[in-house]
Amino acid sequence: MKPKDGFLLREVDGTSIVVATGDAATEFSGLITLNQTGTLLWRCLEQDATEDDMVAKLLGKYDIDEESARRDVKAFVARAKDAGLLEE
């Protein structure tokens, strides 16, 4: 699973944002601000990670149980899909 072409993660003044560029900018106006966890998950998506990969990354980075990590990953992916940010 990976972001659609044209959606890029950028850091602006210490804040991580996803911006649309090129053709993607004609379909998506605005930007998305990510917290530290969202940034970590987006970077996983840039590497074409699976949900299981993303859960493992959260478990390795944070003191969190697997059920919570899995729920958070599913919620993040669902929101990204709803916003049209991910390839089908």
N, C-alpha and C. Protein backbone atom coordinates (compact mmCIF):
# COMPACT_ATOMS: atom_id res chain seq x y z
N MET A 1 0.85 -1.16 0.00
CA MET A 1 0.00 0.00 0.00
C MET A 1 0.90 1.23 0.00
N LYS A 2 0.59 2.17 -0.87
CA LYS A 2 1.43 3.36 -0.95
C LYS A 2 0.61 4.58 -1.36
N PRO A 3 1.15 5.76 -1.10
CA PRO A 3 0.45 6.99 -1.49
C PRO A 3 0.34 7.11 -3.01
N LYS A 4 -0.71 7.76 -3.46
CA LYS A 4 -0.84 8.07 -4.89
C LYS A 4 0.29 9.01 -5.28
N ASP A 5 0.65 8.94 -6.56
CA ASP A 5 1.63 9.88 -7.09
C ASP A 5 1.14 11.30 -6.86
N GLY A 6 2.06 12.18 -6.50
CA GLY A 6 1.72 13.58 -6.34
C GLY A 6 1.44 13.99 -4.91
N PHE A 7 1.42 13.05 -3.97
CA PHE A 7 1.24 13.39 -2.56
C PHE A 7 2.58 13.21 -1.86
N LEU A 8 3.10 14.31 -1.33
CA LEU A 8 4.44 14.31 -0.76
C LEU A 8 4.42 14.76 0.69
N LEU A 9 5.26 14.13 1.50
CA LEU A 9 5.44 14.53 2.88
C LEU A 9 6.54 15.58 2.93
N ARG A 10 6.26 16.69 3.56
CA ARG A 10 7.23 17.76 3.72
C ARG A 10 7.22 18.22 5.16
N GLU A 11 8.35 18.75 5.61
CA GLU A 11 8.42 19.33 6.94
C GLU A 11 8.57 20.83 6.79
N VAL A 12 7.67 21.56 7.44
CA VAL A 12 7.68 23.01 7.39
C VAL A 12 7.70 23.52 8.82
N ASP A 13 8.78 24.16 9.18
CA ASP A 13 8.93 24.75 10.52
C ASP A 13 8.64 23.73 11.62
N GLY A 14 9.15 22.51 11.44
CA GLY A 14 8.99 21.47 12.45
C GLY A 14 7.67 20.73 12.41
N THR A 15 6.82 21.04 11.43
CA THR A 15 5.52 20.38 11.30
C THR A 15 5.51 19.55 10.02
N SER A 16 5.06 18.31 10.14
CA SER A 16 4.97 17.43 8.97
C SER A 16 3.62 17.64 8.29
N ILE A 17 3.68 17.86 6.98
CA ILE A 17 2.46 18.04 6.20
C ILE A 17 2.54 17.20 4.93
N VAL A 18 1.38 16.78 4.46
CA VAL A 18 1.27 16.11 3.17
C VAL A 18 0.65 17.12 2.22
N VAL A 19 1.32 17.35 1.10
CA VAL A 19 0.84 18.30 0.10
C VAL A 19 0.62 17.59 -1.22
N ALA A 20 -0.31 18.09 -1.99
CA ALA A 20 -0.57 17.57 -3.33
C ALA A 20 0.21 18.40 -4.33
N THR A 21 0.82 17.71 -5.30
CA THR A 21 1.57 18.40 -6.34
C THR A 21 1.12 17.90 -7.71
N GLY A 22 1.44 18.65 -8.74
CA GLY A 22 1.12 18.23 -10.10
C GLY A 22 -0.36 17.97 -10.30
N ASP A 23 -0.68 16.88 -10.99
CA ASP A 23 -2.07 16.54 -11.28
C ASP A 23 -2.88 16.30 -10.01
N ALA A 24 -2.25 15.79 -8.97
CA ALA A 24 -2.96 15.53 -7.72
C ALA A 24 -3.51 16.82 -7.12
N ALA A 25 -2.84 17.93 -7.37
CA ALA A 25 -3.28 19.21 -6.82
C ALA A 25 -4.59 19.69 -7.44
N THR A 26 -4.91 19.20 -8.64
CA THR A 26 -6.17 19.62 -9.27
C THR A 26 -7.36 18.88 -8.65
N GLU A 27 -7.09 17.72 -8.05
CA GLU A 27 -8.16 16.93 -7.45
C GLU A 27 -8.25 17.11 -5.94
N PHE A 28 -7.17 17.57 -5.32
CA PHE A 28 -7.13 17.69 -3.87
C PHE A 28 -6.57 19.06 -3.52
N SER A 29 -7.39 19.89 -2.89
CA SER A 29 -6.90 21.20 -2.49
C SER A 29 -6.71 21.20 -0.98
N GLY A 30 -5.65 21.81 -0.56
CA GLY A 30 -5.35 21.87 0.86
C GLY A 30 -4.12 21.06 1.21
N LEU A 31 -3.96 20.82 2.49
CA LEU A 31 -2.84 20.03 2.98
C LEU A 31 -3.29 19.28 4.22
N ILE A 32 -2.50 18.30 4.60
CA ILE A 32 -2.83 17.48 5.75
C ILE A 32 -1.67 17.58 6.72
N THR A 33 -1.97 17.94 7.95
CA THR A 33 -0.95 18.02 8.99
C THR A 33 -0.91 16.69 9.73
N LEU A 34 0.29 16.16 9.93
CA LEU A 34 0.46 14.88 10.61
C LEU A 34 1.18 15.06 11.94
N ASN A 35 0.74 14.32 12.94
CA ASN A 35 1.49 14.28 14.19
C ASN A 35 2.66 13.31 14.02
N GLN A 36 3.41 13.07 15.10
CA GLN A 36 4.59 12.22 15.02
C GLN A 36 4.24 10.81 14.56
N THR A 37 3.16 10.25 15.08
CA THR A 37 2.75 8.90 14.69
C THR A 37 2.30 8.87 13.23
N GLY A 38 1.51 9.86 12.83
CA GLY A 38 1.07 9.94 11.44
C GLY A 38 2.24 10.05 10.48
N THR A 39 3.25 10.81 10.87
CA THR A 39 4.45 10.94 10.05
C THR A 39 5.15 9.60 9.89
N LEU A 40 5.29 8.87 10.99
CA LEU A 40 5.91 7.55 10.95
C LEU A 40 5.13 6.62 10.02
N LEU A 41 3.81 6.63 10.13
CA LEU A 41 2.98 5.76 9.29
C LEU A 41 3.04 6.18 7.83
N TRP A 42 3.06 7.47 7.55
CA TRP A 42 3.16 7.94 6.16
C TRP A 42 4.49 7.48 5.55
N ARG A 43 5.56 7.58 6.32
CA ARG A 43 6.86 7.13 5.82
C ARG A 43 6.85 5.63 5.53
N CYS A 44 6.10 4.88 6.33
CA CYS A 44 5.94 3.46 6.03
C CYS A 44 5.23 3.28 4.70
N LEU A 45 4.17 4.06 4.47
CA LEU A 45 3.44 3.97 3.21
C LEU A 45 4.34 4.30 2.02
N GLU A 46 5.24 5.25 2.20
CA GLU A 46 6.16 5.60 1.11
C GLU A 46 7.05 4.41 0.74
N GLN A 47 7.21 3.47 1.66
CA GLN A 47 8.02 2.27 1.42
C GLN A 47 7.14 1.09 0.99
N ASP A 48 5.88 1.37 0.65
CA ASP A 48 4.93 0.36 0.21
C ASP A 48 4.69 -0.70 1.30
N ALA A 49 4.57 -0.25 2.54
CA ALA A 49 4.39 -1.15 3.68
C ALA A 49 2.98 -1.71 3.74
N THR A 50 2.87 -2.88 4.32
CA THR A 50 1.56 -3.47 4.61
C THR A 50 1.10 -2.95 5.97
N GLU A 51 -0.16 -3.22 6.30
CA GLU A 51 -0.65 -2.84 7.62
C GLU A 51 0.15 -3.57 8.70
N ASP A 52 0.49 -4.82 8.48
CA ASP A 52 1.30 -5.56 9.46
C ASP A 52 2.67 -4.91 9.65
N ASP A 53 3.28 -4.44 8.56
CA ASP A 53 4.56 -3.74 8.67
C ASP A 53 4.41 -2.49 9.53
N MET A 54 3.31 -1.77 9.31
CA MET A 54 3.09 -0.53 10.04
C MET A 54 2.85 -0.80 11.52
N VAL A 55 2.11 -1.86 11.83
CA VAL A 55 1.88 -2.24 13.22
C VAL A 55 3.22 -2.56 13.88
N ALA A 56 4.06 -3.32 13.20
CA ALA A 56 5.37 -3.68 13.74
C ALA A 56 6.21 -2.43 14.00
N LYS A 57 6.14 -1.48 13.12
CA LYS A 57 6.90 -0.23 13.28
C LYS A 57 6.42 0.53 14.52
N LEU A 58 5.10 0.59 14.72
CA LEU A 58 4.57 1.26 15.91
C LEU A 58 5.00 0.54 17.18
N LEU A 59 4.94 -0.79 17.16
CA LEU A 59 5.33 -1.57 18.33
C LEU A 59 6.80 -1.37 18.67
N GLY A 60 7.63 -1.20 17.66
CA GLY A 60 9.05 -0.98 17.88
C GLY A 60 9.39 0.41 18.36
N LYS A 61 8.53 1.36 18.08
CA LYS A 61 8.80 2.77 18.40
C LYS A 61 8.14 3.23 19.70
N TYR A 62 6.94 2.73 19.96
CA TYR A 62 6.16 3.22 21.10
C TYR A 62 5.83 2.09 22.07
N ASP A 63 5.58 2.47 23.29
CA ASP A 63 5.14 1.52 24.32
C ASP A 63 3.63 1.38 24.18
N ILE A 64 3.21 0.48 23.29
CA ILE A 64 1.80 0.31 22.95
C ILE A 64 1.54 -1.18 22.73
N ASP A 65 0.33 -1.61 23.06
CA ASP A 65 0.00 -3.02 22.84
C ASP A 65 -0.41 -3.23 21.37
N GLU A 66 -0.33 -4.47 20.92
CA GLU A 66 -0.58 -4.77 19.51
C GLU A 66 -2.01 -4.42 19.09
N GLU A 67 -2.97 -4.66 19.93
CA GLU A 67 -4.36 -4.35 19.59
C GLU A 67 -4.54 -2.86 19.32
N SER A 68 -3.96 -2.03 20.19
CA SER A 68 -4.06 -0.57 19.99
C SER A 68 -3.32 -0.14 18.74
N ALA A 69 -2.13 -0.71 18.51
CA ALA A 69 -1.36 -0.36 17.32
C ALA A 69 -2.13 -0.73 16.06
N ARG A 70 -2.72 -1.91 16.04
CA ARG A 70 -3.48 -2.36 14.87
C ARG A 70 -4.70 -1.46 14.63
N ARG A 71 -5.38 -1.10 15.70
CA ARG A 71 -6.54 -0.21 15.59
C ARG A 71 -6.12 1.16 15.04
N ASP A 72 -4.99 1.69 15.54
CA ASP A 72 -4.51 2.99 15.07
C ASP A 72 -4.11 2.95 13.60
N VAL A 73 -3.44 1.88 13.20
CA VAL A 73 -3.03 1.74 11.79
C VAL A 73 -4.27 1.65 10.90
N LYS A 74 -5.23 0.84 11.28
CA LYS A 74 -6.46 0.71 10.48
C LYS A 74 -7.18 2.05 10.35
N ALA A 75 -7.23 2.81 11.43
CA ALA A 75 -7.88 4.13 11.40
C ALA A 75 -7.12 5.08 10.48
N PHE A 76 -5.79 5.08 10.56
CA PHE A 76 -4.97 5.95 9.72
C PHE A 76 -5.16 5.61 8.25
N VAL A 77 -5.10 4.33 7.94
CA VAL A 77 -5.25 3.88 6.54
C VAL A 77 -6.65 4.21 6.03
N ALA A 78 -7.67 4.00 6.84
CA ALA A 78 -9.04 4.31 6.43
C ALA A 78 -9.21 5.79 6.12
N ARG A 79 -8.64 6.64 6.96
CA ARG A 79 -8.75 8.09 6.72
C ARG A 79 -8.00 8.49 5.44
N ALA A 80 -6.82 7.89 5.24
CA ALA A 80 -6.04 8.20 4.04
C ALA A 80 -6.79 7.74 2.78
N LYS A 81 -7.42 6.56 2.85
CA LYS A 81 -8.20 6.08 1.71
C LYS A 81 -9.40 6.98 1.46
N ASP A 82 -10.12 7.34 2.51
CA ASP A 82 -11.29 8.22 2.39
C ASP A 82 -10.92 9.56 1.76
N ALA A 83 -9.72 10.04 2.06
CA ALA A 83 -9.27 11.31 1.51
C ALA A 83 -8.72 11.16 0.08
N GLY A 84 -8.63 9.93 -0.41
CA GLY A 84 -8.14 9.69 -1.76
C GLY A 84 -6.63 9.79 -1.90
N LEU A 85 -5.91 9.52 -0.81
CA LEU A 85 -4.46 9.67 -0.82
C LEU A 85 -3.70 8.41 -1.19
N LEU A 86 -4.37 7.25 -1.17
CA LEU A 86 -3.69 5.98 -1.39
C LEU A 86 -4.06 5.36 -2.72
N GLU A 87 -3.10 4.63 -3.30
CA GLU A 87 -3.38 3.86 -4.51
C GLU A 87 -4.33 2.73 -4.15
N GLU A 88 -5.16 2.35 -5.08
CA GLU A 88 -6.12 1.27 -4.82
C GLU A 88 -5.48 -0.06 -4.89
